[in-house]
């Protein structure tokens, strides 16, 4: 007997599942909390949070995909491109009632869009 997967349910909750997954990752949470007040480079985050650079790069891509982090591109004096990141959210509240997830975000009012 072959069981069919519930494709519609999977698609309906896809973004919610991605956000849940991202928030269950300890490194992602450290990155989000470390970047609430100010934009920081990946190197700064890695050094401050003691997370390997490769892990910060990987987590940053996932956080951007979920729209939880803002990326700012800047040019240094020597012409190099530098990317800085800041959390778009201050906190999140997640609740699940009768199969429906509810995600409430509190916007990070300290975010600088310069």
PDB file of N, CA and C in Angstrom:
ATOM      1  N   UNK A   1       0.834  -1.181   0.000  1.00  0.00           N
ATOM      2  CA  UNK A   1       0.000   0.000   0.000  1.00  0.00           C
ATOM      3  C   UNK A   1       0.883   1.251   0.000  1.00  0.00           C
ATOM      4  N   UNK A   2       0.630   2.162  -0.907  1.00  0.00           N
ATOM      5  CA  UNK A   2       1.405   3.394  -1.015  1.00  0.00           C
ATOM      6  C   UNK A   2       0.613   4.531  -0.387  1.00  0.00           C
ATOM      7  N   UNK A   3       1.271   5.262   0.483  1.00  0.00           N
ATOM      8  CA  UNK A   3       0.623   6.415   1.120  1.00  0.00           C
ATOM      9  C   UNK A   3       1.024   7.681   0.378  1.00  0.00           C
ATOM     10  N   UNK A   4       0.046   8.535   0.122  1.00  0.00           N
ATOM     11  CA  UNK A   4       0.328   9.818  -0.521  1.00  0.00           C
ATOM     12  C   UNK A   4       0.725  10.832   0.541  1.00  0.00           C
ATOM     13  N   UNK A   5       1.715  11.647   0.227  1.00  0.00           N
ATOM     14  CA  UNK A   5       2.081  12.715   1.155  1.00  0.00           C
ATOM     15  C   UNK A   5       1.084  13.862   1.005  1.00  0.00           C
ATOM     16  N   UNK A   6       0.931  14.596   2.033  1.00  0.00           N
ATOM     17  CA  UNK A   6      -0.002  15.718   2.014  1.00  0.00           C
ATOM     18  C   UNK A   6       0.719  16.951   1.457  1.00  0.00           C
ATOM     19  N   UNK A   7       0.834  16.987   0.144  1.00  0.00           N
ATOM     20  CA  UNK A   7       1.583  18.035  -0.533  1.00  0.00           C
ATOM     21  C   UNK A   7       1.033  19.419  -0.236  1.00  0.00           C
ATOM     22  N   UNK A   8      -0.277  19.566  -0.240  1.00  0.00           N
ATOM     23  CA  UNK A   8      -0.857  20.881   0.013  1.00  0.00           C
ATOM     24  C   UNK A   8      -0.504  21.388   1.407  1.00  0.00           C
ATOM     25  N   UNK A   9      -0.543  20.520   2.385  1.00  0.00           N
ATOM     26  CA  UNK A   9      -0.176  20.939   3.740  1.00  0.00           C
ATOM     27  C   UNK A   9       1.286  21.346   3.806  1.00  0.00           C
ATOM     28  N   UNK A  10       2.133  20.584   3.130  1.00  0.00           N
ATOM     29  CA  UNK A  10       3.560  20.911   3.122  1.00  0.00           C
ATOM     30  C   UNK A  10       3.799  22.270   2.483  1.00  0.00           C
ATOM     31  N   UNK A  11       3.136  22.545   1.370  1.00  0.00           N
ATOM     32  CA  UNK A  11       3.302  23.830   0.704  1.00  0.00           C
ATOM     33  C   UNK A  11       2.733  24.967   1.537  1.00  0.00           C
ATOM     34  N   UNK A  12       1.594  24.741   2.165  1.00  0.00           N
ATOM     35  CA  UNK A  12       0.943  25.780   2.954  1.00  0.00           C
ATOM     36  C   UNK A  12       1.839  26.241   4.101  1.00  0.00           C
ATOM     37  N   UNK A  13       2.540  25.303   4.724  1.00  0.00           N
ATOM     38  CA  UNK A  13       3.347  25.633   5.892  1.00  0.00           C
ATOM     39  C   UNK A  13       4.833  25.743   5.581  1.00  0.00           C
ATOM     40  N   UNK A  14       5.181  25.809   4.314  1.00  0.00           N
ATOM     41  CA  UNK A  14       6.586  25.799   3.925  1.00  0.00           C
ATOM     42  C   UNK A  14       7.369  26.942   4.564  1.00  0.00           C
ATOM     43  N   UNK A  15       6.914  28.190   4.439  1.00  0.00           N
ATOM     44  CA  UNK A  15       7.665  29.320   5.005  1.00  0.00           C
ATOM     45  C   UNK A  15       7.652  29.266   6.526  1.00  0.00           C
ATOM     46  N   UNK A  16       6.525  28.881   7.108  1.00  0.00           N
ATOM     47  CA  UNK A  16       6.464  28.746   8.558  1.00  0.00           C
ATOM     48  C   UNK A  16       7.448  27.672   9.016  1.00  0.00           C
ATOM     49  N   UNK A  17       7.520  26.571   8.274  1.00  0.00           N
ATOM     50  CA  UNK A  17       8.452  25.491   8.626  1.00  0.00           C
ATOM     51  C   UNK A  17       9.894  25.967   8.521  1.00  0.00           C
ATOM     52  N   UNK A  18      10.199  26.754   7.490  1.00  0.00           N
ATOM     53  CA  UNK A  18      11.564  27.278   7.346  1.00  0.00           C
ATOM     54  C   UNK A  18      11.928  28.185   8.521  1.00  0.00           C
ATOM     55  N   UNK A  19      10.983  29.030   8.931  1.00  0.00           N
ATOM     56  CA  UNK A  19      11.234  29.934  10.050  1.00  0.00           C
ATOM     57  C   UNK A  19      11.390  29.141  11.346  1.00  0.00           C
ATOM     58  N   UNK A  20      10.502  28.163  11.573  1.00  0.00           N
ATOM     59  CA  UNK A  20      10.622  27.311  12.762  1.00  0.00           C
ATOM     60  C   UNK A  20      11.989  26.644  12.793  1.00  0.00           C
ATOM     61  N   UNK A  21      12.370  26.087  11.660  1.00  0.00           N
ATOM     62  CA  UNK A  21      13.646  25.383  11.566  1.00  0.00           C
ATOM     63  C   UNK A  21      14.814  26.324  11.862  1.00  0.00           C
ATOM     64  N   UNK A  22      14.750  27.508  11.308  1.00  0.00           N
ATOM     65  CA  UNK A  22      15.820  28.478  11.518  1.00  0.00           C
ATOM     66  C   UNK A  22      15.921  28.892  12.988  1.00  0.00           C
ATOM     67  N   UNK A  23      14.788  29.080  13.617  1.00  0.00           N
ATOM     68  CA  UNK A  23      14.779  29.523  15.011  1.00  0.00           C
ATOM     69  C   UNK A  23      15.148  28.422  15.996  1.00  0.00           C
ATOM     70  N   UNK A  24      15.068  27.178  15.578  1.00  0.00           N
ATOM     71  CA  UNK A  24      15.495  26.097  16.458  1.00  0.00           C
ATOM     72  C   UNK A  24      17.005  25.914  16.418  1.00  0.00           C
ATOM     73  N   UNK A  25      17.649  26.560  15.474  1.00  0.00           N
ATOM     74  CA  UNK A  25      19.103  26.483  15.371  1.00  0.00           C
ATOM     75  C   UNK A  25      19.732  27.503  16.318  1.00  0.00           C
ATOM     76  N   UNK A  26      20.542  27.022  17.239  1.00  0.00           N
ATOM     77  CA  UNK A  26      21.161  27.881  18.250  1.00  0.00           C
ATOM     78  C   UNK A  26      22.042  28.968  17.629  1.00  0.00           C
ATOM     79  N   UNK A  27      22.797  28.622  16.609  1.00  0.00           N
ATOM     80  CA  UNK A  27      23.664  29.613  15.962  1.00  0.00           C
ATOM     81  C   UNK A  27      22.843  30.737  15.330  1.00  0.00           C
ATOM     82  N   UNK A  28      21.730  30.390  14.706  1.00  0.00           N
ATOM     83  CA  UNK A  28      20.869  31.402  14.101  1.00  0.00           C
ATOM     84  C   UNK A  28      20.327  32.357  15.155  1.00  0.00           C
ATOM     85  N   UNK A  29      19.920  31.816  16.281  1.00  0.00           N
ATOM     86  CA  UNK A  29      19.414  32.675  17.358  1.00  0.00           C
ATOM     87  C   UNK A  29      20.511  33.588  17.883  1.00  0.00           C
ATOM     88  N   UNK A  30      21.720  33.065  18.038  1.00  0.00           N
ATOM     89  CA  UNK A  30      22.841  33.903  18.484  1.00  0.00           C
ATOM     90  C   UNK A  30      23.097  35.037  17.500  1.00  0.00           C
ATOM     91  N   UNK A  31      23.042  34.733  16.216  1.00  0.00           N
ATOM     92  CA  UNK A  31      23.263  35.750  15.182  1.00  0.00           C
ATOM     93  C   UNK A  31      22.174  36.815  15.248  1.00  0.00           C
ATOM     94  N   UNK A  32      20.919  36.395  15.345  1.00  0.00           N
ATOM     95  CA  UNK A  32      19.814  37.356  15.407  1.00  0.00           C
ATOM     96  C   UNK A  32      19.936  38.267  16.627  1.00  0.00           C
ATOM     97  N   UNK A  33      20.199  37.693  17.794  1.00  0.00           N
ATOM     98  CA  UNK A  33      20.301  38.511  19.003  1.00  0.00           C
ATOM     99  C   UNK A  33      21.544  39.398  18.992  1.00  0.00           C
ATOM    100  N   UNK A  34      22.621  38.940  18.362  1.00  0.00           N
ATOM    101  CA  UNK A  34      23.864  39.724  18.317  1.00  0.00           C
ATOM    102  C   UNK A  34      23.750  40.927  17.382  1.00  0.00           C
ATOM    103  N   UNK A  35      22.767  40.905  16.493  1.00  0.00           N
ATOM    104  CA  UNK A  35      22.661  41.969  15.487  1.00  0.00           C
ATOM    105  C   UNK A  35      21.414  42.834  15.660  1.00  0.00           C
ATOM    106  N   UNK A  36      20.821  42.816  16.815  1.00  0.00           N
ATOM    107  CA  UNK A  36      19.622  43.645  17.030  1.00  0.00           C
ATOM    108  C   UNK A  36      19.987  45.120  17.079  1.00  0.00           C
ATOM    109  N   UNK A  37      21.019  45.487  17.827  1.00  0.00           N
ATOM    110  CA  UNK A  37      21.337  46.906  18.033  1.00  0.00           C
ATOM    111  C   UNK A  37      22.081  47.539  16.858  1.00  0.00           C
ATOM    112  N   UNK A  38      22.999  46.804  16.241  1.00  0.00           N
ATOM    113  CA  UNK A  38      23.850  47.380  15.189  1.00  0.00           C
ATOM    114  C   UNK A  38      24.090  46.393  14.064  1.00  0.00           C
ATOM    115  N   UNK A  39      24.381  46.956  12.875  1.00  0.00           N
ATOM    116  CA  UNK A  39      24.851  46.134  11.768  1.00  0.00           C
ATOM    117  C   UNK A  39      26.221  45.588  12.147  1.00  0.00           C
ATOM    118  N   UNK A  40      26.481  44.335  11.773  1.00  0.00           N
ATOM    119  CA  UNK A  40      27.789  43.725  12.032  1.00  0.00           C
ATOM    120  C   UNK A  40      28.200  42.901  10.821  1.00  0.00           C
ATOM    121  N   UNK A  41      29.502  42.807  10.632  1.00  0.00           N
ATOM    122  CA  UNK A  41      30.023  41.976   9.552  1.00  0.00           C
ATOM    123  C   UNK A  41      30.031  40.520  10.013  1.00  0.00           C
ATOM    124  N   UNK A  42      30.150  39.631   9.060  1.00  0.00           N
ATOM    125  CA  UNK A  42      30.206  38.202   9.389  1.00  0.00           C
ATOM    126  C   UNK A  42      31.423  37.906  10.256  1.00  0.00           C
ATOM    127  N   UNK A  43      32.537  38.571   9.982  1.00  0.00           N
ATOM    128  CA  UNK A  43      33.743  38.357  10.780  1.00  0.00           C
ATOM    129  C   UNK A  43      33.523  38.796  12.232  1.00  0.00           C
ATOM    130  N   UNK A  44      32.856  39.941  12.419  1.00  0.00           N
ATOM    131  CA  UNK A  44      32.563  40.426  13.776  1.00  0.00           C
ATOM    132  C   UNK A  44      31.646  39.448  14.514  1.00  0.00           C
ATOM    133  N   UNK A  45      30.622  38.976  13.843  1.00  0.00           N
ATOM    134  CA  UNK A  45      29.687  38.033  14.458  1.00  0.00           C
ATOM    135  C   UNK A  45      30.414  36.752  14.845  1.00  0.00           C
ATOM    136  N   UNK A  46      31.233  36.252  13.938  1.00  0.00           N
ATOM    137  CA  UNK A  46      31.984  35.021  14.193  1.00  0.00           C
ATOM    138  C   UNK A  46      32.884  35.168  15.412  1.00  0.00           C
ATOM    139  N   UNK A  47      33.589  36.274  15.474  1.00  0.00           N
ATOM    140  CA  UNK A  47      34.516  36.524  16.582  1.00  0.00           C
ATOM    141  C   UNK A  47      33.767  36.704  17.905  1.00  0.00           C
ATOM    142  N   UNK A  48      32.731  37.534  17.911  1.00  0.00           N
ATOM    143  CA  UNK A  48      31.991  37.835  19.141  1.00  0.00           C
ATOM    144  C   UNK A  48      31.224  36.632  19.674  1.00  0.00           C
ATOM    145  N   UNK A  49      30.612  35.870  18.786  1.00  0.00           N
ATOM    146  CA  UNK A  49      29.762  34.751  19.203  1.00  0.00           C
ATOM    147  C   UNK A  49      30.508  33.415  19.245  1.00  0.00           C
ATOM    148  N   UNK A  50      31.770  33.438  18.817  1.00  0.00           N
ATOM    149  CA  UNK A  50      32.593  32.231  18.787  1.00  0.00           C
ATOM    150  C   UNK A  50      31.939  31.114  17.948  1.00  0.00           C
ATOM    151  N   UNK A  51      31.485  31.535  16.773  1.00  0.00           N
ATOM    152  CA  UNK A  51      30.896  30.615  15.801  1.00  0.00           C
ATOM    153  C   UNK A  51      31.840  30.592  14.599  1.00  0.00           C
ATOM    154  N   UNK A  52      32.154  29.411  14.060  1.00  0.00           N
ATOM    155  CA  UNK A  52      33.046  29.357  12.891  1.00  0.00           C
ATOM    156  C   UNK A  52      32.499  30.195  11.723  1.00  0.00           C
ATOM    157  N   UNK A  53      33.415  30.824  10.986  1.00  0.00           N
ATOM    158  CA  UNK A  53      33.026  31.664   9.845  1.00  0.00           C
ATOM    159  C   UNK A  53      32.122  30.927   8.867  1.00  0.00           C
ATOM    160  N   UNK A  54      32.467  29.686   8.554  1.00  0.00           N
ATOM    161  CA  UNK A  54      31.666  28.929   7.589  1.00  0.00           C
ATOM    162  C   UNK A  54      30.236  28.743   8.088  1.00  0.00           C
ATOM    163  N   UNK A  55      30.061  28.546   9.386  1.00  0.00           N
ATOM    164  CA  UNK A  55      28.723  28.387   9.955  1.00  0.00           C
ATOM    165  C   UNK A  55      27.942  29.692   9.910  1.00  0.00           C
ATOM    166  N   UNK A  56      28.633  30.810  10.161  1.00  0.00           N
ATOM    167  CA  UNK A  56      27.957  32.108  10.106  1.00  0.00           C
ATOM    168  C   UNK A  56      27.498  32.388   8.679  1.00  0.00           C
ATOM    169  N   UNK A  57      28.336  32.109   7.693  1.00  0.00           N
ATOM    170  CA  UNK A  57      27.943  32.298   6.289  1.00  0.00           C
ATOM    171  C   UNK A  57      26.713  31.447   5.955  1.00  0.00           C
ATOM    172  N   UNK A  58      26.721  30.195   6.358  1.00  0.00           N
ATOM    173  CA  UNK A  58      25.609  29.285   6.075  1.00  0.00           C
ATOM    174  C   UNK A  58      24.328  29.764   6.759  1.00  0.00           C
ATOM    175  N   UNK A  59      24.410  30.118   8.020  1.00  0.00           N
ATOM    176  CA  UNK A  59      23.240  30.571   8.770  1.00  0.00           C
ATOM    177  C   UNK A  59      22.716  31.887   8.197  1.00  0.00           C
ATOM    178  N   UNK A  60      23.613  32.758   7.783  1.00  0.00           N
ATOM    179  CA  UNK A  60      23.217  34.055   7.237  1.00  0.00           C
ATOM    180  C   UNK A  60      22.388  33.876   5.971  1.00  0.00           C
ATOM    181  N   UNK A  61      22.774  32.951   5.115  1.00  0.00           N
ATOM    182  CA  UNK A  61      22.001  32.688   3.898  1.00  0.00           C
ATOM    183  C   UNK A  61      20.587  32.224   4.257  1.00  0.00           C
ATOM    184  N   UNK A  62      20.477  31.358   5.234  1.00  0.00           N
ATOM    185  CA  UNK A  62      19.159  30.868   5.663  1.00  0.00           C
ATOM    186  C   UNK A  62      18.331  31.982   6.287  1.00  0.00           C
ATOM    187  N   UNK A  63      18.958  32.815   7.098  1.00  0.00           N
ATOM    188  CA  UNK A  63      18.246  33.929   7.732  1.00  0.00           C
ATOM    189  C   UNK A  63      17.755  34.929   6.688  1.00  0.00           C
ATOM    190  N   UNK A  64      18.572  35.187   5.663  1.00  0.00           N
ATOM    191  CA  UNK A  64      18.152  36.087   4.585  1.00  0.00           C
ATOM    192  C   UNK A  64      16.995  35.476   3.801  1.00  0.00           C
ATOM    193  N   UNK A  65      17.052  34.179   3.556  1.00  0.00           N
ATOM    194  CA  UNK A  65      15.987  33.486   2.825  1.00  0.00           C
ATOM    195  C   UNK A  65      14.654  33.587   3.569  1.00  0.00           C
ATOM    196  N   UNK A  66      14.714  33.606   4.889  1.00  0.00           N
ATOM    197  CA  UNK A  66      13.500  33.723   5.711  1.00  0.00           C
ATOM    198  C   UNK A  66      13.132  35.182   5.981  1.00  0.00           C
ATOM    199  N   UNK A  67      13.890  36.110   5.438  1.00  0.00           N
ATOM    200  CA  UNK A  67      13.674  37.555   5.634  1.00  0.00           C
ATOM    201  C   UNK A  67      13.732  37.965   7.095  1.00  0.00           C
ATOM    202  N   UNK A  68      14.630  37.340   7.844  1.00  0.00           N
ATOM    203  CA  UNK A  68      14.789  37.676   9.255  1.00  0.00           C
ATOM    204  C   UNK A  68      15.956  38.620   9.501  1.00  0.00           C
ATOM    205  N   UNK A  69      16.763  38.854   8.455  1.00  0.00           N
ATOM    206  CA  UNK A  69      17.950  39.696   8.625  1.00  0.00           C
ATOM    207  C   UNK A  69      18.089  40.632   7.431  1.00  0.00           C
ATOM    208  N   UNK A  70      18.599  41.818   7.697  1.00  0.00           N
ATOM    209  CA  UNK A  70      18.800  42.839   6.667  1.00  0.00           C
ATOM    210  C   UNK A  70      20.279  42.875   6.301  1.00  0.00           C
ATOM    211  N   UNK A  71      20.563  42.949   5.017  1.00  0.00           N
ATOM    212  CA  UNK A  71      21.935  43.031   4.530  1.00  0.00           C
ATOM    213  C   UNK A  71      22.205  44.426   3.996  1.00  0.00           C
ATOM    214  N   UNK A  72      23.297  45.017   4.441  1.00  0.00           N
ATOM    215  CA  UNK A  72      23.720  46.343   3.982  1.00  0.00           C
ATOM    216  C   UNK A  72      25.085  46.185   3.316  1.00  0.00           C
ATOM    217  N   UNK A  73      25.198  46.687   2.101  1.00  0.00           N
ATOM    218  CA  UNK A  73      26.460  46.612   1.365  1.00  0.00           C
ATOM    219  C   UNK A  73      27.132  47.972   1.425  1.00  0.00           C
ATOM    220  N   UNK A  74      28.420  47.977   1.756  1.00  0.00           N
ATOM    221  CA  UNK A  74      29.179  49.216   1.872  1.00  0.00           C
ATOM    222  C   UNK A  74      30.543  49.020   1.222  1.00  0.00           C
ATOM    223  N   UNK A  75      31.165  50.114   0.854  1.00  0.00           N
ATOM    224  CA  UNK A  75      32.492  50.051   0.256  1.00  0.00           C
ATOM    225  C   UNK A  75      33.509  50.644   1.228  1.00  0.00           C
ATOM    226  N   UNK A  76      34.607  49.927   1.419  1.00  0.00           N
ATOM    227  CA  UNK A  76      35.655  50.429   2.301  1.00  0.00           C
ATOM    228  C   UNK A  76      36.528  51.423   1.539  1.00  0.00           C
ATOM    229  N   UNK A  77      37.444  52.061   2.244  1.00  0.00           N
ATOM    230  CA  UNK A  77      38.327  53.059   1.620  1.00  0.00           C
ATOM    231  C   UNK A  77      39.178  52.466   0.504  1.00  0.00           C
ATOM    232  N   UNK A  78      39.542  51.186   0.640  1.00  0.00           N
ATOM    233  CA  UNK A  78      40.366  50.563  -0.394  1.00  0.00           C
ATOM    234  C   UNK A  78      39.535  49.957  -1.526  1.00  0.00           C
ATOM    235  N   UNK A  79      38.225  50.232  -1.524  1.00  0.00           N
ATOM    236  CA  UNK A  79      37.363  49.801  -2.615  1.00  0.00           C
ATOM    237  C   UNK A  79      36.748  48.421  -2.456  1.00  0.00           C
ATOM    238  N   UNK A  80      37.009  47.768  -1.355  1.00  0.00           N
ATOM    239  CA  UNK A  80      36.437  46.437  -1.133  1.00  0.00           C
ATOM    240  C   UNK A  80      34.976  46.536  -0.715  1.00  0.00           C
ATOM    241  N   UNK A  81      34.208  45.556  -1.147  1.00  0.00           N
ATOM    242  CA  UNK A  81      32.801  45.476  -0.763  1.00  0.00           C
ATOM    243  C   UNK A  81      32.723  44.788   0.601  1.00  0.00           C
ATOM    244  N   UNK A  82      32.018  45.411   1.528  1.00  0.00           N
ATOM    245  CA  UNK A  82      31.813  44.832   2.845  1.00  0.00           C
ATOM    246  C   UNK A  82      30.324  44.730   3.093  1.00  0.00           C
ATOM    247  N   UNK A  83      29.900  43.603   3.606  1.00  0.00           N
ATOM    248  CA  UNK A  83      28.492  43.378   3.896  1.00  0.00           C
ATOM    249  C   UNK A  83      28.279  43.382   5.410  1.00  0.00           C
ATOM    250  N   UNK A  84      27.234  44.079   5.811  1.00  0.00           N
ATOM    251  CA  UNK A  84      26.869  44.149   7.222  1.00  0.00           C
ATOM    252  C   UNK A  84      25.437  43.641   7.373  1.00  0.00           C
ATOM    253  N   UNK A  85      25.163  43.062   8.527  1.00  0.00           N
ATOM    254  CA  UNK A  85      23.865  42.437   8.749  1.00  0.00           C
ATOM    255  C   UNK A  85      23.247  42.924  10.049  1.00  0.00           C
ATOM    256  N   UNK A  86      21.911  43.069  10.032  1.00  0.00           N
ATOM    257  CA  UNK A  86      21.183  43.459  11.232  1.00  0.00           C
ATOM    258  C   UNK A  86      19.849  42.723  11.263  1.00  0.00           C
ATOM    259  N   UNK A  87      19.480  42.268  12.443  1.00  0.00           N
ATOM    260  CA  UNK A  87      18.222  41.554  12.630  1.00  0.00           C
ATOM    261  C   UNK A  87      17.044  42.474  12.322  1.00  0.00           C
ATOM    262  N   UNK A  88      16.080  41.973  11.562  1.00  0.00           N
ATOM    263  CA  UNK A  88      14.875  42.735  11.267  1.00  0.00           C
ATOM    264  C   UNK A  88      13.863  42.621  12.406  1.00  0.00           C
ATOM    265  N   UNK A  89      14.110  41.685  13.290  1.00  0.00           N
ATOM    266  CA  UNK A  89      13.145  41.425  14.356  1.00  0.00           C
ATOM    267  C   UNK A  89      13.771  41.595  15.731  1.00  0.00           C
ATOM    268  N   UNK A  90      12.952  42.012  16.661  1.00  0.00           N
ATOM    269  CA  UNK A  90      13.396  42.122  18.049  1.00  0.00           C
ATOM    270  C   UNK A  90      13.068  40.837  18.791  1.00  0.00           C
ATOM    271  N   UNK A  91      11.871  40.305  18.561  1.00  0.00           N
ATOM    272  CA  UNK A  91      11.502  39.009  19.120  1.00  0.00           C
ATOM    273  C   UNK A  91      10.385  38.388  18.299  1.00  0.00           C
ATOM    274  N   UNK A  92      10.131  37.114  18.579  1.00  0.00           N
ATOM    275  CA  UNK A  92       9.120  36.351  17.866  1.00  0.00           C
ATOM    276  C   UNK A  92       8.301  35.570  18.881  1.00  0.00           C
ATOM    277  N   UNK A  93       7.009  35.511  18.622  1.00  0.00           N
ATOM    278  CA  UNK A  93       6.129  34.672  19.430  1.00  0.00           C
ATOM    279  C   UNK A  93       5.470  33.671  18.485  1.00  0.00           C
ATOM    280  N   UNK A  94       5.574  32.402  18.824  1.00  0.00           N
ATOM    281  CA  UNK A  94       5.020  31.351  17.981  1.00  0.00           C
ATOM    282  C   UNK A  94       3.987  30.582  18.794  1.00  0.00           C
ATOM    283  N   UNK A  95       2.827  30.381  18.197  1.00  0.00           N
ATOM    284  CA  UNK A  95       1.810  29.539  18.831  1.00  0.00           C
ATOM    285  C   UNK A  95       1.162  28.665  17.766  1.00  0.00           C
ATOM    286  N   UNK A  96       0.701  27.513  18.191  1.00  0.00           N
ATOM    287  CA  UNK A  96       0.047  26.592  17.268  1.00  0.00           C
ATOM    288  C   UNK A  96      -1.298  26.216  17.868  1.00  0.00           C
ATOM    289  N   UNK A  97      -2.353  26.470  17.111  1.00  0.00           N
ATOM    290  CA  UNK A  97      -3.702  26.150  17.548  1.00  0.00           C
ATOM    291  C   UNK A  97      -4.396  25.372  16.445  1.00  0.00           C
ATOM    292  N   UNK A  98      -4.820  24.174  16.759  1.00  0.00           N
ATOM    293  CA  UNK A  98      -5.548  23.339  15.789  1.00  0.00           C
ATOM    294  C   UNK A  98      -4.870  23.312  14.423  1.00  0.00           C
ATOM    295  N   UNK A  99      -3.615  22.946  14.388  1.00  0.00           N
ATOM    296  CA  UNK A  99      -2.813  22.776  13.179  1.00  0.00           C
ATOM    297  C   UNK A  99      -2.406  24.075  12.497  1.00  0.00           C
ATOM    298  N   UNK A 100      -2.859  25.214  12.973  1.00  0.00           N
ATOM    299  CA  UNK A 100      -2.514  26.490  12.347  1.00  0.00           C
ATOM    300  C   UNK A 100      -1.436  27.208  13.150  1.00  0.00           C
ATOM    301  N   UNK A 101      -0.242  27.337  12.581  1.00  0.00           N
ATOM    302  CA  UNK A 101       0.798  28.088  13.290  1.00  0.00           C
ATOM    303  C   UNK A 101       0.556  29.590  13.151  1.00  0.00           C
ATOM    304  N   UNK A 102       0.797  30.294  14.222  1.00  0.00           N
ATOM    305  CA  UNK A 102       0.703  31.750  14.215  1.00  0.00           C
ATOM    306  C   UNK A 102       2.065  32.279  14.637  1.00  0.00           C
ATOM    307  N   UNK A 103       2.640  33.110  13.793  1.00  0.00           N
ATOM    308  CA  UNK A 103       3.948  33.692  14.089  1.00  0.00           C
ATOM    309  C   UNK A 103       3.771  35.193  14.209  1.00  0.00           C
ATOM    310  N   UNK A 104       4.129  35.728  15.359  1.00  0.00           N
ATOM    311  CA  UNK A 104       4.047  37.176  15.586  1.00  0.00           C
ATOM    312  C   UNK A 104       5.463  37.716  15.746  1.00  0.00           C
ATOM    313  N   UNK A 105       5.803  38.647  14.899  1.00  0.00           N
ATOM    314  CA  UNK A 105       7.115  39.274  14.938  1.00  0.00           C
ATOM    315  C   UNK A 105       7.002  40.645  15.577  1.00  0.00           C
ATOM    316  N   UNK A 106       7.986  41.013  16.358  1.00  0.00           N
ATOM    317  CA  UNK A 106       8.114  42.381  16.822  1.00  0.00           C
ATOM    318  C   UNK A 106       9.248  42.993  16.020  1.00  0.00           C
ATOM    319  N   UNK A 107       8.924  44.022  15.267  1.00  0.00           N
ATOM    320  CA  UNK A 107       9.910  44.668  14.400  1.00  0.00           C
ATOM    321  C   UNK A 107      11.033  45.282  15.232  1.00  0.00           C
ATOM    322  N   UNK A 108      12.236  45.171  14.715  1.00  0.00           N
ATOM    323  CA  UNK A 108      13.400  45.773  15.353  1.00  0.00           C
ATOM    324  C   UNK A 108      13.402  47.262  15.025  1.00  0.00           C
ATOM    325  N   UNK A 109      13.007  48.088  15.974  1.00  0.00           N
ATOM    326  CA  UNK A 109      12.933  49.526  15.745  1.00  0.00           C
ATOM    327  C   UNK A 109      14.318  50.175  15.702  1.00  0.00           C
ATOM    328  N   UNK A 110      15.340  49.436  16.098  1.00  0.00           N
ATOM    329  CA  UNK A 110      16.703  49.959  16.065  1.00  0.00           C
ATOM    330  C   UNK A 110      17.372  49.722  14.705  1.00  0.00           C
ATOM    331  N   UNK A 111      16.673  49.031  13.803  1.00  0.00           N
ATOM    332  CA  UNK A 111      17.261  48.733  12.506  1.00  0.00           C
ATOM    333  C   UNK A 111      17.493  49.999  11.699  1.00  0.00           C
ATOM    334  N   UNK A 112      18.686  50.099  11.167  1.00  0.00           N
ATOM    335  CA  UNK A 112      19.083  51.267  10.374  1.00  0.00           C
ATOM    336  C   UNK A 112      19.089  50.869   8.910  1.00  0.00           C
ATOM    337  N   UNK A 113      18.310  51.523   8.109  1.00  0.00           N
ATOM    338  CA  UNK A 113      18.230  51.225   6.675  1.00  0.00           C
ATOM    339  C   UNK A 113      19.082  52.165   5.843  1.00  0.00           C
ATOM    340  N   UNK A 114      20.251  52.500   6.299  1.00  0.00           N
ATOM    341  CA  UNK A 114      21.103  53.416   5.530  1.00  0.00           C
ATOM    342  C   UNK A 114      21.941  52.707   4.524  1.00  0.00           C
TER     343      UNK A 114
END
